[in-house]
N, C-alpha and C. Protein backbone atom coordinates (compact mmCIF):
# COMPACT_ATOMS: atom_id res chain seq x y z
N MET A 1 3.34 -25.35 -4.08
CA MET A 1 4.50 -24.83 -4.79
C MET A 1 4.11 -23.54 -5.53
N LYS A 2 4.96 -22.55 -5.47
CA LYS A 2 4.68 -21.27 -6.11
C LYS A 2 4.85 -21.39 -7.62
N ASN A 3 4.00 -20.64 -8.33
CA ASN A 3 4.17 -20.62 -9.79
C ASN A 3 5.31 -19.67 -10.16
N ARG A 4 5.71 -19.73 -11.39
CA ARG A 4 6.87 -18.97 -11.87
C ARG A 4 6.68 -17.47 -11.66
N ARG A 5 5.49 -16.94 -11.94
CA ARG A 5 5.25 -15.50 -11.78
C ARG A 5 5.48 -15.09 -10.32
N GLU A 6 4.96 -15.88 -9.38
CA GLU A 6 5.14 -15.57 -7.96
C GLU A 6 6.61 -15.66 -7.57
N GLN A 7 7.34 -16.63 -8.12
CA GLN A 7 8.77 -16.74 -7.84
C GLN A 7 9.52 -15.50 -8.32
N ILE A 8 9.15 -15.02 -9.48
CA ILE A 8 9.78 -13.81 -10.02
C ILE A 8 9.46 -12.61 -9.12
N LEU A 9 8.20 -12.48 -8.71
CA LEU A 9 7.83 -11.36 -7.85
C LEU A 9 8.54 -11.42 -6.50
N ASP A 10 8.61 -12.61 -5.90
CA ASP A 10 9.31 -12.75 -4.62
C ASP A 10 10.78 -12.37 -4.76
N ALA A 11 11.41 -12.86 -5.83
CA ALA A 11 12.82 -12.54 -6.07
C ALA A 11 13.00 -11.05 -6.33
N ALA A 12 12.11 -10.46 -7.11
CA ALA A 12 12.21 -9.03 -7.42
C ALA A 12 12.09 -8.20 -6.15
N LEU A 13 11.18 -8.55 -5.27
CA LEU A 13 11.02 -7.81 -4.02
C LEU A 13 12.34 -7.81 -3.24
N GLU A 14 12.95 -8.97 -3.13
CA GLU A 14 14.23 -9.07 -2.41
C GLU A 14 15.32 -8.23 -3.09
N VAL A 15 15.39 -8.32 -4.41
CA VAL A 15 16.41 -7.56 -5.14
C VAL A 15 16.16 -6.06 -5.01
N PHE A 16 14.90 -5.63 -5.14
CA PHE A 16 14.57 -4.20 -5.00
C PHE A 16 14.93 -3.70 -3.60
N LEU A 17 14.65 -4.50 -2.59
CA LEU A 17 14.95 -4.07 -1.22
C LEU A 17 16.45 -4.02 -0.97
N GLU A 18 17.19 -4.95 -1.54
CA GLU A 18 18.65 -4.97 -1.35
C GLU A 18 19.35 -3.87 -2.13
N LYS A 19 18.94 -3.66 -3.38
CA LYS A 19 19.70 -2.78 -4.28
C LYS A 19 18.98 -1.48 -4.60
N GLY A 20 17.73 -1.36 -4.18
CA GLY A 20 16.93 -0.22 -4.59
C GLY A 20 16.46 -0.42 -6.03
N PHE A 21 15.46 0.34 -6.43
CA PHE A 21 14.93 0.15 -7.77
C PHE A 21 15.98 0.43 -8.83
N ASP A 22 16.71 1.53 -8.68
CA ASP A 22 17.70 1.90 -9.69
C ASP A 22 18.83 0.89 -9.79
N GLY A 23 19.25 0.32 -8.66
CA GLY A 23 20.35 -0.64 -8.67
C GLY A 23 19.95 -2.05 -9.06
N ALA A 24 18.66 -2.33 -9.00
CA ALA A 24 18.17 -3.67 -9.36
C ALA A 24 18.23 -3.85 -10.87
N THR A 25 18.57 -5.05 -11.28
CA THR A 25 18.59 -5.37 -12.71
C THR A 25 17.73 -6.59 -12.97
N LEU A 26 17.28 -6.71 -14.19
CA LEU A 26 16.53 -7.91 -14.55
C LEU A 26 17.43 -9.15 -14.44
N ALA A 27 18.72 -8.97 -14.69
CA ALA A 27 19.65 -10.10 -14.55
C ALA A 27 19.69 -10.58 -13.10
N ALA A 28 19.71 -9.66 -12.15
CA ALA A 28 19.71 -10.05 -10.73
C ALA A 28 18.40 -10.72 -10.35
N ILE A 29 17.30 -10.21 -10.87
CA ILE A 29 15.99 -10.83 -10.60
C ILE A 29 15.94 -12.23 -11.22
N ARG A 30 16.46 -12.35 -12.44
CA ARG A 30 16.49 -13.65 -13.12
C ARG A 30 17.31 -14.63 -12.30
N GLN A 31 18.49 -14.21 -11.87
CA GLN A 31 19.37 -15.09 -11.11
C GLN A 31 18.72 -15.50 -9.79
N ARG A 32 18.14 -14.55 -9.08
CA ARG A 32 17.52 -14.84 -7.78
C ARG A 32 16.31 -15.75 -7.93
N SER A 33 15.53 -15.55 -8.99
CA SER A 33 14.29 -16.32 -9.17
C SER A 33 14.51 -17.67 -9.83
N GLY A 34 15.63 -17.80 -10.56
CA GLY A 34 15.85 -19.03 -11.33
C GLY A 34 15.08 -19.06 -12.63
N ALA A 35 14.42 -17.96 -12.96
CA ALA A 35 13.64 -17.87 -14.19
C ALA A 35 14.54 -17.44 -15.35
N SER A 36 14.15 -17.80 -16.53
CA SER A 36 14.88 -17.33 -17.71
C SER A 36 14.45 -15.90 -18.02
N THR A 37 15.26 -15.20 -18.79
CA THR A 37 14.91 -13.85 -19.22
C THR A 37 13.59 -13.87 -19.98
N GLY A 38 13.43 -14.87 -20.85
CA GLY A 38 12.19 -15.00 -21.61
C GLY A 38 10.98 -15.19 -20.71
N SER A 39 11.16 -15.95 -19.64
CA SER A 39 10.07 -16.17 -18.69
C SER A 39 9.69 -14.86 -18.00
N ILE A 40 10.69 -14.07 -17.63
CA ILE A 40 10.40 -12.78 -17.00
C ILE A 40 9.61 -11.90 -17.96
N TYR A 41 10.07 -11.83 -19.22
CA TYR A 41 9.38 -11.00 -20.20
C TYR A 41 8.03 -11.58 -20.62
N HIS A 42 7.82 -12.84 -20.38
CA HIS A 42 6.50 -13.43 -20.63
C HIS A 42 5.46 -12.82 -19.70
N PHE A 43 5.88 -12.56 -18.45
CA PHE A 43 4.96 -12.04 -17.46
C PHE A 43 5.00 -10.52 -17.31
N PHE A 44 6.16 -9.90 -17.56
CA PHE A 44 6.35 -8.48 -17.28
C PHE A 44 7.10 -7.79 -18.41
N SER A 45 6.79 -6.53 -18.64
CA SER A 45 7.46 -5.79 -19.71
C SER A 45 8.81 -5.20 -19.25
N GLY A 46 9.08 -5.22 -17.96
CA GLY A 46 10.33 -4.68 -17.45
C GLY A 46 10.24 -4.46 -15.94
N LYS A 47 11.25 -3.78 -15.39
CA LYS A 47 11.32 -3.56 -13.94
C LYS A 47 10.11 -2.78 -13.42
N ALA A 48 9.73 -1.74 -14.13
CA ALA A 48 8.62 -0.93 -13.66
C ALA A 48 7.32 -1.73 -13.63
N ASP A 49 7.14 -2.62 -14.59
CA ASP A 49 5.96 -3.47 -14.61
C ASP A 49 5.98 -4.45 -13.43
N ILE A 50 7.16 -4.95 -13.09
CA ILE A 50 7.29 -5.82 -11.92
C ILE A 50 6.94 -5.04 -10.65
N ALA A 51 7.44 -3.80 -10.56
CA ALA A 51 7.15 -2.96 -9.40
C ALA A 51 5.64 -2.70 -9.29
N ALA A 52 4.99 -2.44 -10.42
CA ALA A 52 3.54 -2.21 -10.41
C ALA A 52 2.81 -3.47 -9.94
N ALA A 53 3.27 -4.64 -10.37
CA ALA A 53 2.64 -5.90 -9.94
C ALA A 53 2.83 -6.10 -8.44
N LEU A 54 4.00 -5.75 -7.91
CA LEU A 54 4.23 -5.86 -6.47
C LEU A 54 3.31 -4.91 -5.71
N LEU A 55 3.12 -3.71 -6.22
CA LEU A 55 2.22 -2.75 -5.59
C LEU A 55 0.78 -3.27 -5.62
N SER A 56 0.37 -3.82 -6.74
CA SER A 56 -0.97 -4.38 -6.86
C SER A 56 -1.16 -5.52 -5.86
N HIS A 57 -0.15 -6.37 -5.73
CA HIS A 57 -0.20 -7.47 -4.77
C HIS A 57 -0.33 -6.93 -3.35
N ALA A 58 0.42 -5.87 -3.04
CA ALA A 58 0.37 -5.27 -1.71
C ALA A 58 -1.01 -4.69 -1.42
N THR A 59 -1.56 -3.95 -2.36
CA THR A 59 -2.87 -3.34 -2.11
C THR A 59 -3.96 -4.40 -2.00
N THR A 60 -3.81 -5.50 -2.73
CA THR A 60 -4.76 -6.60 -2.61
C THR A 60 -4.69 -7.21 -1.22
N GLY A 61 -3.46 -7.38 -0.70
CA GLY A 61 -3.29 -7.90 0.65
C GLY A 61 -3.88 -6.99 1.71
N TRP A 62 -3.67 -5.70 1.52
CA TRP A 62 -4.23 -4.71 2.44
C TRP A 62 -5.76 -4.78 2.40
N ALA A 63 -6.33 -4.82 1.20
CA ALA A 63 -7.78 -4.87 1.06
C ALA A 63 -8.35 -6.13 1.71
N ALA A 64 -7.66 -7.25 1.55
CA ALA A 64 -8.13 -8.50 2.15
C ALA A 64 -8.13 -8.40 3.68
N GLN A 65 -7.11 -7.76 4.24
CA GLN A 65 -7.05 -7.58 5.68
C GLN A 65 -8.12 -6.60 6.17
N SER A 66 -8.51 -5.66 5.31
CA SER A 66 -9.47 -4.64 5.69
C SER A 66 -10.89 -5.16 5.70
N GLY A 67 -11.13 -6.21 4.96
CA GLY A 67 -12.48 -6.76 4.90
C GLY A 67 -13.29 -6.09 3.83
N SER A 68 -13.56 -6.81 2.78
CA SER A 68 -14.27 -6.22 1.64
C SER A 68 -15.76 -6.06 1.92
N GLN A 69 -16.24 -6.56 3.04
CA GLN A 69 -17.66 -6.47 3.34
C GLN A 69 -18.05 -5.16 4.00
N ALA A 70 -17.12 -4.24 4.18
CA ALA A 70 -17.44 -2.96 4.81
C ALA A 70 -18.49 -2.22 3.99
N ASP A 71 -19.44 -1.63 4.68
CA ASP A 71 -20.51 -0.87 4.05
C ASP A 71 -19.98 0.52 3.69
N PRO A 72 -19.90 0.85 2.38
CA PRO A 72 -19.33 2.14 1.99
C PRO A 72 -20.10 3.35 2.54
N SER A 73 -21.34 3.16 2.97
CA SER A 73 -22.07 4.29 3.54
C SER A 73 -21.74 4.49 5.02
N ASP A 74 -21.00 3.56 5.61
CA ASP A 74 -20.59 3.64 7.00
C ASP A 74 -19.18 4.21 7.07
N ALA A 75 -19.07 5.51 7.25
CA ALA A 75 -17.77 6.17 7.26
C ALA A 75 -16.87 5.62 8.35
N GLU A 76 -17.36 5.53 9.56
CA GLU A 76 -16.53 5.04 10.66
C GLU A 76 -16.05 3.62 10.40
N GLY A 77 -16.97 2.74 10.02
CA GLY A 77 -16.59 1.36 9.75
C GLY A 77 -15.60 1.24 8.60
N SER A 78 -15.81 2.02 7.56
CA SER A 78 -14.91 1.97 6.40
C SER A 78 -13.51 2.48 6.75
N ILE A 79 -13.44 3.59 7.44
CA ILE A 79 -12.15 4.17 7.79
C ILE A 79 -11.41 3.28 8.77
N THR A 80 -12.09 2.86 9.82
CA THR A 80 -11.39 2.05 10.83
C THR A 80 -11.00 0.69 10.28
N SER A 81 -11.83 0.07 9.46
CA SER A 81 -11.45 -1.24 8.91
C SER A 81 -10.30 -1.10 7.92
N SER A 82 -10.27 -0.01 7.17
CA SER A 82 -9.18 0.19 6.22
C SER A 82 -7.85 0.41 6.95
N VAL A 83 -7.84 1.27 7.95
CA VAL A 83 -6.62 1.54 8.69
C VAL A 83 -6.19 0.29 9.46
N HIS A 84 -7.14 -0.39 10.09
CA HIS A 84 -6.84 -1.61 10.83
C HIS A 84 -6.24 -2.66 9.89
N GLY A 85 -6.86 -2.86 8.73
CA GLY A 85 -6.35 -3.83 7.77
C GLY A 85 -4.96 -3.46 7.27
N PHE A 86 -4.76 -2.18 6.99
CA PHE A 86 -3.46 -1.72 6.52
C PHE A 86 -2.38 -1.99 7.57
N LEU A 87 -2.68 -1.67 8.81
CA LEU A 87 -1.69 -1.88 9.87
C LEU A 87 -1.38 -3.36 10.07
N HIS A 88 -2.41 -4.19 10.08
CA HIS A 88 -2.16 -5.63 10.25
C HIS A 88 -1.40 -6.20 9.06
N TRP A 89 -1.79 -5.79 7.86
CA TRP A 89 -1.08 -6.27 6.67
C TRP A 89 0.37 -5.80 6.70
N GLY A 90 0.60 -4.53 6.96
CA GLY A 90 1.96 -3.99 6.97
C GLY A 90 2.84 -4.60 8.05
N ALA A 91 2.26 -4.83 9.24
CA ALA A 91 3.03 -5.44 10.32
C ALA A 91 3.40 -6.88 9.98
N ALA A 92 2.52 -7.58 9.28
CA ALA A 92 2.79 -8.97 8.89
C ALA A 92 3.69 -9.07 7.66
N ASN A 93 3.78 -7.99 6.88
CA ASN A 93 4.55 -7.99 5.63
C ASN A 93 5.47 -6.78 5.55
N PRO A 94 6.42 -6.66 6.46
CA PRO A 94 7.24 -5.45 6.50
C PRO A 94 8.06 -5.22 5.23
N LYS A 95 8.48 -6.28 4.56
CA LYS A 95 9.25 -6.09 3.32
C LYS A 95 8.36 -5.52 2.22
N GLN A 96 7.16 -6.08 2.09
CA GLN A 96 6.24 -5.55 1.08
C GLN A 96 5.87 -4.11 1.41
N PHE A 97 5.64 -3.82 2.70
CA PHE A 97 5.33 -2.44 3.08
C PHE A 97 6.48 -1.51 2.73
N ALA A 98 7.71 -1.91 3.05
CA ALA A 98 8.87 -1.05 2.77
C ALA A 98 8.97 -0.73 1.28
N PHE A 99 8.74 -1.73 0.45
CA PHE A 99 8.82 -1.48 -0.99
C PHE A 99 7.65 -0.62 -1.45
N MET A 100 6.45 -0.89 -0.94
CA MET A 100 5.29 -0.08 -1.30
C MET A 100 5.53 1.38 -0.90
N ASP A 101 6.10 1.58 0.26
CA ASP A 101 6.38 2.93 0.74
C ASP A 101 7.36 3.63 -0.19
N GLU A 102 8.38 2.90 -0.66
CA GLU A 102 9.33 3.48 -1.62
C GLU A 102 8.63 3.84 -2.92
N LEU A 103 7.75 2.95 -3.39
CA LEU A 103 7.02 3.23 -4.64
C LEU A 103 6.15 4.47 -4.50
N LEU A 104 5.51 4.62 -3.36
CA LEU A 104 4.66 5.79 -3.14
C LEU A 104 5.49 7.06 -3.23
N THR A 105 6.67 7.02 -2.65
CA THR A 105 7.55 8.18 -2.67
C THR A 105 8.03 8.48 -4.09
N ARG A 106 8.38 7.45 -4.83
CA ARG A 106 8.96 7.64 -6.16
C ARG A 106 7.92 7.83 -7.25
N SER A 107 6.68 7.46 -7.01
CA SER A 107 5.68 7.44 -8.09
C SER A 107 5.48 8.80 -8.76
N GLY A 108 5.67 9.86 -8.04
CA GLY A 108 5.46 11.17 -8.63
C GLY A 108 6.72 11.80 -9.20
N THR A 109 7.86 11.13 -9.06
CA THR A 109 9.10 11.75 -9.46
C THR A 109 9.87 11.02 -10.55
N SER A 110 9.43 9.84 -10.92
CA SER A 110 10.19 9.05 -11.88
C SER A 110 9.30 8.60 -13.04
N PRO A 111 9.74 8.82 -14.27
CA PRO A 111 8.95 8.36 -15.40
C PRO A 111 8.81 6.83 -15.45
N ASP A 112 9.73 6.11 -14.78
CA ASP A 112 9.63 4.66 -14.70
C ASP A 112 8.37 4.22 -13.98
N PHE A 113 7.85 5.09 -13.15
CA PHE A 113 6.71 4.74 -12.32
C PHE A 113 5.40 5.38 -12.78
N GLU A 114 5.31 5.69 -14.04
CA GLU A 114 4.08 6.31 -14.55
C GLU A 114 2.87 5.42 -14.30
N ALA A 115 2.99 4.11 -14.59
CA ALA A 115 1.87 3.20 -14.37
C ALA A 115 1.52 3.10 -12.89
N VAL A 116 2.55 3.08 -12.05
CA VAL A 116 2.32 3.03 -10.61
C VAL A 116 1.62 4.31 -10.16
N GLY A 117 2.08 5.45 -10.64
CA GLY A 117 1.45 6.72 -10.29
C GLY A 117 0.00 6.78 -10.71
N GLU A 118 -0.30 6.26 -11.91
CA GLU A 118 -1.68 6.23 -12.39
C GLU A 118 -2.55 5.33 -11.51
N MET A 119 -2.01 4.17 -11.10
CA MET A 119 -2.75 3.26 -10.24
C MET A 119 -3.05 3.93 -8.89
N LEU A 120 -2.04 4.58 -8.34
CA LEU A 120 -2.22 5.25 -7.06
C LEU A 120 -3.19 6.42 -7.17
N ALA A 121 -3.08 7.18 -8.23
CA ALA A 121 -3.97 8.34 -8.43
C ALA A 121 -5.42 7.89 -8.56
N ALA A 122 -5.65 6.79 -9.27
CA ALA A 122 -7.02 6.28 -9.43
C ALA A 122 -7.58 5.84 -8.08
N GLY A 123 -6.78 5.16 -7.29
CA GLY A 123 -7.23 4.72 -5.97
C GLY A 123 -7.51 5.89 -5.05
N ARG A 124 -6.62 6.88 -5.08
CA ARG A 124 -6.83 8.06 -4.23
C ARG A 124 -8.07 8.84 -4.68
N ALA A 125 -8.30 8.91 -5.99
CA ALA A 125 -9.49 9.62 -6.49
C ALA A 125 -10.77 8.93 -6.02
N ARG A 126 -10.80 7.59 -6.10
CA ARG A 126 -11.98 6.85 -5.62
C ARG A 126 -12.19 7.08 -4.13
N ALA A 127 -11.11 7.03 -3.36
CA ALA A 127 -11.21 7.25 -1.92
C ALA A 127 -11.67 8.68 -1.62
N GLY A 128 -11.18 9.65 -2.39
CA GLY A 128 -11.60 11.04 -2.20
C GLY A 128 -13.08 11.24 -2.49
N GLU A 129 -13.57 10.56 -3.53
CA GLU A 129 -15.01 10.64 -3.84
C GLU A 129 -15.84 10.04 -2.72
N LEU A 130 -15.38 8.91 -2.18
CA LEU A 130 -16.09 8.29 -1.07
C LEU A 130 -16.09 9.21 0.14
N TYR A 131 -14.95 9.83 0.40
CA TYR A 131 -14.87 10.77 1.53
C TYR A 131 -15.86 11.92 1.34
N GLN A 132 -15.94 12.44 0.12
CA GLN A 132 -16.89 13.53 -0.13
C GLN A 132 -18.34 13.09 0.09
N SER A 133 -18.64 11.84 -0.22
CA SER A 133 -20.01 11.34 0.04
C SER A 133 -20.27 11.32 1.55
N TRP A 134 -19.26 11.01 2.35
CA TRP A 134 -19.42 11.03 3.80
C TRP A 134 -19.57 12.46 4.32
N VAL A 135 -18.86 13.41 3.66
CA VAL A 135 -19.03 14.82 4.02
C VAL A 135 -20.48 15.21 3.79
N GLN A 136 -21.03 14.84 2.63
CA GLN A 136 -22.42 15.18 2.30
C GLN A 136 -23.40 14.57 3.29
N MET A 137 -23.09 13.39 3.82
CA MET A 137 -23.96 12.72 4.80
C MET A 137 -23.78 13.31 6.19
N GLY A 138 -22.75 14.15 6.37
CA GLY A 138 -22.49 14.74 7.68
C GLY A 138 -21.73 13.82 8.62
N SER A 139 -21.11 12.77 8.10
CA SER A 139 -20.40 11.80 8.93
C SER A 139 -18.98 12.24 9.27
N VAL A 140 -18.36 13.01 8.35
CA VAL A 140 -16.97 13.42 8.54
C VAL A 140 -16.84 14.92 8.34
N ARG A 141 -15.74 15.46 8.80
CA ARG A 141 -15.46 16.88 8.65
C ARG A 141 -15.22 17.21 7.18
N ASP A 142 -15.61 18.40 6.80
CA ASP A 142 -15.41 18.87 5.42
C ASP A 142 -13.97 19.37 5.28
N LEU A 143 -13.10 18.43 4.95
CA LEU A 143 -11.68 18.72 4.79
C LEU A 143 -11.26 18.43 3.35
N ASN A 144 -10.26 19.14 2.89
CA ASN A 144 -9.63 18.79 1.63
C ASN A 144 -9.17 17.34 1.73
N TRP A 145 -9.36 16.55 0.66
CA TRP A 145 -9.05 15.12 0.72
C TRP A 145 -7.59 14.86 1.08
N ASP A 146 -6.66 15.67 0.60
CA ASP A 146 -5.26 15.45 0.94
C ASP A 146 -5.02 15.59 2.44
N VAL A 147 -5.70 16.54 3.06
CA VAL A 147 -5.58 16.72 4.51
C VAL A 147 -6.24 15.55 5.24
N ALA A 148 -7.44 15.17 4.81
CA ALA A 148 -8.13 14.05 5.44
C ALA A 148 -7.31 12.77 5.32
N TYR A 149 -6.74 12.52 4.14
CA TYR A 149 -5.92 11.33 3.93
C TYR A 149 -4.71 11.33 4.86
N ALA A 150 -4.07 12.47 5.01
CA ALA A 150 -2.91 12.57 5.90
C ALA A 150 -3.31 12.28 7.34
N LEU A 151 -4.46 12.78 7.76
CA LEU A 151 -4.92 12.52 9.13
C LEU A 151 -5.30 11.05 9.33
N ILE A 152 -5.90 10.45 8.31
CA ILE A 152 -6.34 9.06 8.42
C ILE A 152 -5.16 8.09 8.33
N MET A 153 -4.31 8.27 7.34
CA MET A 153 -3.27 7.27 7.05
C MET A 153 -1.88 7.66 7.54
N GLY A 154 -1.61 8.93 7.76
CA GLY A 154 -0.27 9.35 8.15
C GLY A 154 0.28 8.63 9.38
N PRO A 155 -0.46 8.58 10.48
CA PRO A 155 0.05 7.87 11.66
C PRO A 155 0.27 6.37 11.40
N ALA A 156 -0.56 5.77 10.58
CA ALA A 156 -0.39 4.34 10.26
C ALA A 156 0.92 4.12 9.51
N TYR A 157 1.20 4.98 8.53
CA TYR A 157 2.47 4.87 7.81
C TYR A 157 3.65 5.05 8.76
N ALA A 158 3.56 6.03 9.66
CA ALA A 158 4.66 6.28 10.61
C ALA A 158 4.90 5.06 11.49
N LEU A 159 3.84 4.44 11.98
CA LEU A 159 3.99 3.26 12.83
C LEU A 159 4.59 2.10 12.04
N LEU A 160 4.15 1.89 10.81
CA LEU A 160 4.69 0.78 10.02
C LEU A 160 6.14 1.03 9.61
N ARG A 161 6.51 2.27 9.42
CA ARG A 161 7.92 2.55 9.10
C ARG A 161 8.83 2.12 10.25
N SER A 162 8.35 2.24 11.48
CA SER A 162 9.15 1.76 12.61
C SER A 162 9.25 0.23 12.60
N ALA A 163 8.24 -0.44 12.08
CA ALA A 163 8.26 -1.91 12.00
C ALA A 163 9.27 -2.40 10.98
N THR A 164 9.55 -1.60 9.95
CA THR A 164 10.55 -2.01 8.96
C THR A 164 11.95 -1.94 9.55
N LYS A 165 12.08 -1.30 10.70
CA LYS A 165 13.38 -1.23 11.39
C LYS A 165 13.47 -2.26 12.50
N GLY A 166 12.57 -3.25 12.50
CA GLY A 166 12.63 -4.35 13.45
C GLY A 166 11.75 -4.21 14.67
N LYS A 167 11.06 -3.09 14.84
CA LYS A 167 10.19 -2.92 16.00
C LYS A 167 8.88 -3.68 15.75
N GLN A 168 8.45 -4.42 16.74
CA GLN A 168 7.16 -5.11 16.66
C GLN A 168 6.03 -4.10 16.88
N VAL A 169 4.97 -4.25 16.12
CA VAL A 169 3.81 -3.39 16.28
C VAL A 169 2.79 -4.17 17.11
N SER A 170 2.38 -3.60 18.22
CA SER A 170 1.45 -4.30 19.12
C SER A 170 0.00 -4.04 18.72
N ASP A 171 -0.87 -4.92 19.16
CA ASP A 171 -2.30 -4.74 18.92
C ASP A 171 -2.81 -3.46 19.57
N LEU A 172 -2.26 -3.12 20.74
CA LEU A 172 -2.66 -1.88 21.41
C LEU A 172 -2.28 -0.67 20.56
N GLU A 173 -1.07 -0.67 19.99
CA GLU A 173 -0.65 0.44 19.14
C GLU A 173 -1.55 0.55 17.91
N ILE A 174 -1.88 -0.59 17.33
CA ILE A 174 -2.79 -0.59 16.18
C ILE A 174 -4.14 0.00 16.56
N ASP A 175 -4.69 -0.44 17.68
CA ASP A 175 -5.99 0.08 18.12
C ASP A 175 -5.96 1.58 18.36
N VAL A 176 -4.87 2.08 18.95
CA VAL A 176 -4.75 3.53 19.22
C VAL A 176 -4.73 4.31 17.90
N VAL A 177 -3.96 3.84 16.93
CA VAL A 177 -3.85 4.53 15.64
C VAL A 177 -5.18 4.47 14.88
N VAL A 178 -5.85 3.33 14.94
CA VAL A 178 -7.15 3.19 14.27
C VAL A 178 -8.16 4.17 14.86
N ARG A 179 -8.25 4.24 16.17
CA ARG A 179 -9.20 5.17 16.81
C ARG A 179 -8.83 6.61 16.49
N ALA A 180 -7.52 6.92 16.48
CA ALA A 180 -7.08 8.28 16.18
C ALA A 180 -7.45 8.68 14.75
N ALA A 181 -7.36 7.73 13.81
CA ALA A 181 -7.72 8.02 12.41
C ALA A 181 -9.17 8.47 12.32
N TRP A 182 -10.05 7.74 13.00
CA TRP A 182 -11.47 8.11 12.96
C TRP A 182 -11.72 9.42 13.70
N THR A 183 -11.13 9.55 14.88
CA THR A 183 -11.34 10.75 15.69
C THR A 183 -10.89 12.00 14.94
N ALA A 184 -9.84 11.90 14.15
CA ALA A 184 -9.29 13.05 13.43
C ALA A 184 -10.25 13.62 12.39
N VAL A 185 -11.11 12.77 11.82
CA VAL A 185 -11.95 13.26 10.72
C VAL A 185 -13.45 13.21 10.99
N ARG A 186 -13.87 12.58 12.06
CA ARG A 186 -15.31 12.46 12.30
C ARG A 186 -15.93 13.83 12.50
N ALA A 187 -17.16 13.94 12.09
CA ALA A 187 -17.89 15.19 12.24
C ALA A 187 -18.16 15.45 13.71
N ALA A 188 -18.17 16.70 14.09
CA ALA A 188 -18.48 17.06 15.47
C ALA A 188 -19.90 16.66 15.79
N SER A 189 -20.09 16.13 16.97
CA SER A 189 -21.45 15.69 17.39
C SER A 189 -22.29 16.84 17.83
């Protein structure tokens, strides 16, 4: 049986997807979850805090699919396992992916998402530092991190966006995108 916090998060995800963040209300989340207003505020300070918790849950799921045992000094293994995990997680959780994708888009434009933006910025900064260490080792091309990130993750996002419209993502498609992510940034031999 799910605990109350998980019930609230599940209900919030459904409400956010149906009404969008701006149209969603705590009253709708309360009604959908069966939780009291006090219970919601026991766990979360408001809608933006719920959204941040959903994003954290999504990134945890992605990380679990990616395999935490990846060796950070192995650029190819790290990149391919991250993209592979992201694609498998997103294909298995299209609703969570759709909401995460909306948060990514809104994080830089809405003061409601300041905490989400900070979480994303911290993660991107860590990933950028890791990428630079691979540049120094000669494993990957010396690219600006924003460009490298777009080459690594852009096709994965595009494929998962099609899955939110009901298209099944095949293992072959995942494998092609994973190989393309590595090929796009690997250092010339």
